[in-house]
C-alpha atoms as a PDB file:
ATOM      1  CA  MET A   1      90.767  85.491  85.410  1.00  0.00           C
ATOM      2  CA  ARG A   2      91.074  84.101  81.917  1.00  0.00           C
ATOM      3  CA  GLY A   3      90.985  87.472  80.117  1.00  0.00           C
ATOM      4  CA  ARG A   4      92.887  87.648  76.891  1.00  0.00           C
ATOM      5  CA  HIS A   5      93.868  91.259  77.438  1.00  0.00           C
ATOM      6  CA  GLY A   6      95.999  90.430  80.471  1.00  0.00           C
ATOM      7  CA  THR A   7      98.009  87.906  78.497  1.00  0.00           C
ATOM      8  CA  ILE A   8      98.572  90.421  75.672  1.00  0.00           C
ATOM      9  CA  VAL A   9      99.722  93.143  78.019  1.00  0.00           C
ATOM     10  CA  CYS A  10     101.995  90.673  79.843  1.00  0.00           C
ATOM     11  CA  ALA A  11     103.615  89.852  76.524  1.00  0.00           C
ATOM     12  CA  VAL A  12     104.017  93.560  75.717  1.00  0.00           C
ATOM     13  CA  VAL A  13     105.823  94.092  79.053  1.00  0.00           C
ATOM     14  CA  TRP A  14     108.267  91.324  78.143  1.00  0.00           C
ATOM     15  CA  VAL A  15     108.822  92.830  74.699  1.00  0.00           C
ATOM     16  CA  LEU A  16     109.513  96.277  76.135  1.00  0.00           C
ATOM     17  CA  CYS A  17     111.979  94.837  78.636  1.00  0.00           C
ATOM     18  CA  ALA A  18     113.744  92.902  75.879  1.00  0.00           C
ATOM     19  CA  ALA A  19     113.862  95.983  73.677  1.00  0.00           C
ATOM     20  CA  GLY A  20     115.340  98.066  76.452  1.00  0.00           C
ATOM     21  CA  ALA A  21     117.922  95.401  77.175  1.00  0.00           C
ATOM     22  CA  ALA A  22     118.910  95.235  73.508  1.00  0.00           C
ATOM     23  CA  ALA A  23     119.187  99.014  73.226  1.00  0.00           C
ATOM     24  CA  ALA A  24     121.160  99.488  76.426  1.00  0.00           C
ATOM     25  CA  ALA A  25     124.915  99.560  76.058  1.00  0.00           C
ATOM     26  CA  PRO A  26     127.230  98.235  78.767  1.00  0.00           C
ATOM     27  CA  GLU A  27     128.712 101.091  80.759  1.00  0.00           C
ATOM     28  CA  GLU A  28     132.282 101.562  81.813  1.00  0.00           C
ATOM     29  CA  VAL A  29     133.266 100.359  85.237  1.00  0.00           C
ATOM     30  CA  GLY A  30     135.332 102.677  87.356  1.00  0.00           C
ATOM     31  CA  PRO A  31     135.639 104.045  90.855  1.00  0.00           C
ATOM     32  CA  GLU A  32     133.141 106.825  90.055  1.00  0.00           C
ATOM     33  CA  ALA A  33     130.690 104.654  88.090  1.00  0.00           C
ATOM     34  CA  PRO A  34     127.235 104.457  89.723  1.00  0.00           C
ATOM     35  CA  ALA A  35     126.042 101.121  91.008  1.00  0.00           C
ATOM     36  CA  PRO A  36     123.203  99.254  89.307  1.00  0.00           C
ATOM     37  CA  VAL A  37     119.820 100.698  90.096  1.00  0.00           C
ATOM     38  CA  ALA A  38     118.700  97.637  92.093  1.00  0.00           C
ATOM     39  CA  GLY A  39     119.758  94.164  93.185  1.00  0.00           C
ATOM     40  CA  LEU A  40     122.806  94.958  95.298  1.00  0.00           C
ATOM     41  CA  PRO A  41     123.724  93.054  98.480  1.00  0.00           C
ATOM     42  CA  GLY A  42     122.190  94.618 101.568  1.00  0.00           C
ATOM     43  CA  GLN A  43     119.660  96.603  99.541  1.00  0.00           C
ATOM     44  CA  LEU A  44     116.025  97.056 100.538  1.00  0.00           C
ATOM     45  CA  LEU A  45     113.420  97.827  97.857  1.00  0.00           C
ATOM     46  CA  PHE A  46     109.885  99.117  98.385  1.00  0.00           C
ATOM     47  CA  ALA A  47     107.524  99.331  95.415  1.00  0.00           C
ATOM     48  CA  VAL A  48     104.009 100.623  94.802  1.00  0.00           C
ATOM     49  CA  GLY A  49     102.318  99.525  91.601  1.00  0.00           C
ATOM     50  CA  ALA A  50      99.109  99.053  89.630  1.00  0.00           C
ATOM     51  CA  GLY A  51      98.184  96.741  86.835  1.00  0.00           C
ATOM     52  CA  GLN A  52      95.982  93.797  86.076  1.00  0.00           C
ATOM     53  CA  VAL A  53      95.499  90.178  87.098  1.00  0.00           C
ATOM     54  CA  GLY A  54      93.378  88.198  84.664  1.00  0.00           C
ATOM     55  CA  SER A  55      90.684  90.636  83.569  1.00  0.00           C
ATOM     56  CA  GLY A  56      90.547  92.613  86.851  1.00  0.00           C
ATOM     57  CA  ALA A  57      92.498  95.522  88.255  1.00  0.00           C
ATOM     58  CA  LEU A  58      95.414  94.976  90.618  1.00  0.00           C
ATOM     59  CA  TYR A  59      96.971  97.341  93.141  1.00  0.00           C
ATOM     60  CA  GLN A  60      99.979  96.081  95.056  1.00  0.00           C
ATOM     61  CA  LEU A  61     102.772  96.777  97.520  1.00  0.00           C
ATOM     62  CA  GLU A  62     106.098  94.951  97.305  1.00  0.00           C
ATOM     63  CA  LEU A  63     109.004  94.710  99.732  1.00  0.00           C
ATOM     64  CA  ALA A  64     112.251  93.030  98.733  1.00  0.00           C
ATOM     65  CA  TYR A  65     115.658  92.441 100.328  1.00  0.00           C
ATOM     66  CA  PHE A  66     118.871  91.280  98.611  1.00  0.00           C
ATOM     67  CA  PRO A  67     121.145  89.251 100.923  1.00  0.00           C
ATOM     68  CA  ALA A  68     123.410  88.466  97.947  1.00  0.00           C
ATOM     69  CA  ALA A  69     124.424  90.055  94.676  1.00  0.00           C
ATOM     70  CA  ARG A  70     122.352  87.755  92.446  1.00  0.00           C
ATOM     71  CA  PHE A  71     119.457  86.815  94.746  1.00  0.00           C
ATOM     72  CA  GLY A  72     116.660  88.632  96.513  1.00  0.00           C
ATOM     73  CA  LEU A  73     113.558  87.724  98.481  1.00  0.00           C
ATOM     74  CA  GLU A  74     110.289  89.605  98.007  1.00  0.00           C
ATOM     75  CA  ALA A  75     106.902  89.676  99.735  1.00  0.00           C
ATOM     76  CA  SER A  76     103.980  91.327  97.992  1.00  0.00           C
ATOM     77  CA  LEU A  77     100.365  92.122  98.785  1.00  0.00           C
ATOM     78  CA  GLY A  78      97.899  92.789  95.979  1.00  0.00           C
ATOM     79  CA  HIS A  79      94.289  93.948  96.026  1.00  0.00           C
ATOM     80  CA  ASN A  80      91.849  93.001  93.271  1.00  0.00           C
ATOM     81  CA  PRO A  81      88.586  94.975  93.664  1.00  0.00           C
ATOM     82  CA  GLY A  82      85.412  93.669  92.067  1.00  0.00           C
ATOM     83  CA  HIS A  83      81.631  94.137  91.938  1.00  0.00           C
ATOM     84  CA  GLY A  84      80.218  92.634  95.130  1.00  0.00           C
ATOM     85  CA  THR A  85      83.408  90.649  95.791  1.00  0.00           C
ATOM     86  CA  TYR A  86      87.111  91.448  96.083  1.00  0.00           C
ATOM     87  CA  ALA A  87      90.271  89.449  96.274  1.00  0.00           C
ATOM     88  CA  ALA A  88      93.724  89.609  97.897  1.00  0.00           C
ATOM     89  CA  LEU A  89      96.882  88.204  96.285  1.00  0.00           C
ATOM     90  CA  HIS A  90      99.745  87.362  98.634  1.00  0.00           C
ATOM     91  CA  GLN A  91     103.040  86.298  97.103  1.00  0.00           C
ATOM     92  CA  VAL A  92     106.540  85.331  98.232  1.00  0.00           C
ATOM     93  CA  SER A  93     109.085  85.429  95.412  1.00  0.00           C
ATOM     94  CA  ALA A  94     112.730  84.901  94.571  1.00  0.00           C
ATOM     95  CA  LEU A  95     114.239  87.721  92.515  1.00  0.00           C
ATOM     96  CA  VAL A  96     117.270  87.138  90.280  1.00  0.00           C
ATOM     97  CA  PRO A  97     118.805  90.275  88.646  1.00  0.00           C
ATOM     98  CA  LEU A  98     120.029  89.273  85.204  1.00  0.00           C
ATOM     99  CA  LEU A  99     122.355  92.052  83.976  1.00  0.00           C
ATOM    100  CA  PRO A 100     124.393  94.634  85.954  1.00  0.00           C
ATOM    101  CA  TRP A 101     123.585  97.627  83.688  1.00  0.00           C
ATOM    102  CA  ARG A 102     123.363 100.914  85.562  1.00  0.00           C
ATOM    103  CA  LYS A 103     120.179 102.456  84.199  1.00  0.00           C
ATOM    104  CA  PHE A 104     118.177  99.442  83.004  1.00  0.00           C
ATOM    105  CA  ARG A 105     118.212  96.104  84.788  1.00  0.00           C
ATOM    106  CA  PRO A 106     116.001  93.114  83.944  1.00  0.00           C
ATOM    107  CA  PHE A 107     115.158  90.445  86.504  1.00  0.00           C
ATOM    108  CA  ALA A 108     113.506  87.044  86.763  1.00  0.00           C
ATOM    109  CA  ARG A 109     110.850  86.328  89.376  1.00  0.00           C
ATOM    110  CA  ALA A 110     109.194  83.137  90.636  1.00  0.00           C
ATOM    111  CA  GLY A 111     107.467  81.918  93.768  1.00  0.00           C
ATOM    112  CA  LEU A 112     104.290  80.872  95.552  1.00  0.00           C
ATOM    113  CA  GLY A 113     101.347  82.625  97.111  1.00  0.00           C
ATOM    114  CA  THR A 114      97.646  82.567  97.839  1.00  0.00           C
ATOM    115  CA  PHE A 115      94.653  84.105  96.084  1.00  0.00           C
ATOM    116  CA  GLU A 116      91.782  84.826  98.485  1.00  0.00           C
ATOM    117  CA  VAL A 117      88.357  85.773  97.210  1.00  0.00           C
ATOM    118  CA  PHE A 118      86.082  87.561  99.721  1.00  0.00           C
ATOM    119  CA  PRO A 119      82.341  87.542  98.903  1.00  0.00           C
ATOM    120  CA  GLY A 120      81.629  90.705 100.874  1.00  0.00           C
ATOM    121  CA  THR A 121      78.247  91.290 102.513  1.00  0.00           C
ATOM    122  CA  ALA A 122      76.116  91.183  99.357  1.00  0.00           C
ATOM    123  CA  ILE A 123      75.935  87.389  99.171  1.00  0.00           C
ATOM    124  CA  ASN A 124      75.980  84.572 101.699  1.00  0.00           C
ATOM    125  CA  ALA A 125      79.178  82.731 100.813  1.00  0.00           C
ATOM    126  CA  GLN A 126      82.499  81.765 102.347  1.00  0.00           C
ATOM    127  CA  THR A 127      85.951  83.045 101.570  1.00  0.00           C
ATOM    128  CA  VAL A 128      87.768  80.961  98.980  1.00  0.00           C
ATOM    129  CA  THR A 129      91.553  80.541  99.209  1.00  0.00           C
ATOM    130  CA  LYS A 130      93.699  78.977  96.460  1.00  0.00           C
ATOM    131  CA  LEU A 131      97.424  78.199  96.348  1.00  0.00           C
ATOM    132  CA  VAL A 132      99.025  80.018  93.421  1.00  0.00           C
ATOM    133  CA  GLY A 133     102.390  79.612  91.736  1.00  0.00           C
ATOM    134  CA  HIS A 134     103.880  82.366  89.584  1.00  0.00           C
ATOM    135  CA  ALA A 135     106.838  82.866  87.234  1.00  0.00           C
ATOM    136  CA  GLY A 136     107.859  85.793  85.085  1.00  0.00           C
ATOM    137  CA  GLY A 137     110.104  88.790  85.128  1.00  0.00           C
ATOM    138  CA  GLY A 138     110.475  92.472  84.483  1.00  0.00           C
ATOM    139  CA  ALA A 139     112.932  95.328  84.722  1.00  0.00           C
ATOM    140  CA  TRP A 140     113.927  98.384  86.718  1.00  0.00           C
ATOM    141  CA  LEU A 141     114.538 101.654  84.907  1.00  0.00           C
ATOM    142  CA  ARG A 142     116.506 104.232  86.848  1.00  0.00           C
ATOM    143  CA  LEU A 143     114.882 107.634  87.423  1.00  0.00           C
ATOM    144  CA  GLN A 144     117.178 108.882  90.192  1.00  0.00           C
ATOM    145  CA  ASP A 145     119.861 107.341  92.378  1.00  0.00           C
ATOM    146  CA  ALA A 146     117.318 105.674  94.707  1.00  0.00           C
ATOM    147  CA  VAL A 147     114.169 105.707  92.562  1.00  0.00           C
ATOM    148  CA  ALA A 148     113.286 103.485  89.592  1.00  0.00           C
ATOM    149  CA  LEU A 149     110.332 102.550  87.425  1.00  0.00           C
ATOM    150  CA  ARG A 150     109.404  98.855  87.719  1.00  0.00           C
ATOM    151  CA  PHE A 151     107.816  96.906  84.853  1.00  0.00           C
ATOM    152  CA  GLU A 152     106.681  93.360  85.634  1.00  0.00           C
ATOM    153  CA  GLY A 153     104.783  90.492  84.001  1.00  0.00           C
ATOM    154  CA  SER A 154     104.068  87.008  85.332  1.00  0.00           C
ATOM    155  CA  MET A 155     101.891  83.988  84.684  1.00  0.00           C
ATOM    156  CA  LEU A 156      99.877  82.575  87.568  1.00  0.00           C
ATOM    157  CA  GLY A 157      98.863  78.914  87.862  1.00  0.00           C
ATOM    158  CA  PHE A 158      96.447  77.376  90.361  1.00  0.00           C
ATOM    159  CA  LEU A 159      94.176  74.342  90.849  1.00  0.00           C
ATOM    160  CA  ASP A 160      90.444  74.927  90.498  1.00  0.00           C
ATOM    161  CA  ASP A 161      87.465  72.681  91.099  1.00  0.00           C
ATOM    162  CA  GLN A 162      85.679  71.958  87.820  1.00  0.00           C
ATOM    163  CA  GLU A 163      83.163  69.459  86.464  1.00  0.00           C
ATOM    164  CA  GLY A 164      84.802  66.054  86.495  1.00  0.00           C
ATOM    165  CA  GLY A 165      87.557  66.967  88.953  1.00  0.00           C
ATOM    166  CA  ARG A 166      90.245  69.569  89.532  1.00  0.00           C
ATOM    167  CA  GLY A 167      91.978  71.363  86.741  1.00  0.00           C
ATOM    168  CA  LEU A 168      94.952  73.709  86.365  1.00  0.00           C
ATOM    169  CA  LEU A 169      94.036  77.260  85.431  1.00  0.00           C
ATOM    170  CA  GLY A 170      96.289  80.123  84.456  1.00  0.00           C
ATOM    171  CA  ALA A 171      96.086  83.895  84.392  1.00  0.00           C
ATOM    172  CA  ALA A 172      98.387  86.746  83.419  1.00  0.00           C
ATOM    173  CA  GLN A 173      99.508  89.341  85.944  1.00  0.00           C
ATOM    174  CA  TRP A 174     101.275  92.610  85.033  1.00  0.00           C
ATOM    175  CA  SER A 175     102.005  95.869  86.800  1.00  0.00           C
ATOM    176  CA  VAL A 176     103.889  99.132  86.480  1.00  0.00           C
ATOM    177  CA  GLY A 177     105.086 101.012  89.532  1.00  0.00           C
ATOM    178  CA  ILE A 178     107.687 103.053  91.381  1.00  0.00           C
ATOM    179  CA  THR A 179     110.505 101.407  93.337  1.00  0.00           C
ATOM    180  CA  PHE A 180     112.371 103.101  96.154  1.00  0.00           C
ATOM    181  CA  CYS A 181     115.846 101.705  96.968  1.00  0.00           C
ATOM    182  CA  ARG A 182     117.734 101.946 100.237  1.00  0.00           C
ATOM    183  CA  ASP A 183     121.108 100.505 101.184  1.00  0.00           C
ATOM    184  CA  LEU A 184     120.999  99.086 104.703  1.00  0.00           C
ATOM    185  CA  GLY A 185     124.768  98.983 104.928  1.00  0.00           C
ATOM    186  CA  SER A 186     127.868  99.900 102.954  1.00  0.00           C
ATOM    187  CA  THR A 187     128.873  97.101 100.599  1.00  0.00           C
ATOM    188  CA  PRO A 188     132.402  96.932  99.197  1.00  0.00           C
ATOM    189  CA  SER A 189     132.377  96.911  95.388  1.00  0.00           C
ATOM    190  CA  ALA A 190     134.442  93.699  95.398  1.00  0.00           C
ATOM    191  CA  ASP A 191     131.552  91.868  97.062  1.00  0.00           C
ATOM    192  CA  THR A 192     128.853  92.828  94.616  1.00  0.00           C
ATOM    193  CA  GLY A 193     129.963  90.474  91.884  1.00  0.00           C
ATOM    194  CA  GLU A 194     128.885  93.006  89.247  1.00  0.00           C
ATOM    195  CA  GLY A 195     130.588  93.782  86.005  1.00  0.00           C
ATOM    196  CA  SER A 196     129.836  95.764  82.865  1.00  0.00           C
END
């Protein structure tokens, strides 16, 4: 999980998000202006993505709900296949949309989770579970009214048993996926707290 490639790709995701934010121009606000692609009160998001955690592949499902204009809660389940062993990454995160642009919207993400390594049937070993913290961010890029591309990069940190005691290890996590948005109820524009 200490692969250098994951860190590089994670940095590239951040650069792309920053470049998109710099290139995007604020849009006019009016009664006919479309709402931001994601991060609205009462909105439910479902995402399917693939990427990398450390030096291994990562496939994940994410479900998020926004009870407020600037805050969302997300639960995610990731699968990290390996040779003889495989791992599952469970995460609970807080999402904070940063800018209310209509087509491109960056967000910050942080939370806690667990990383479980399953030895499979090839070797006689027990499942290992570690508490993992994560922090990072990404962006949504609108494709249609209720569909967006999601780019995301995070750093993971967890305690690991090493010679001489326990040490803090880190790994990069990144993914690219498709997000589907659904409004669970009509939200008056005055309550969204969004501007141009």
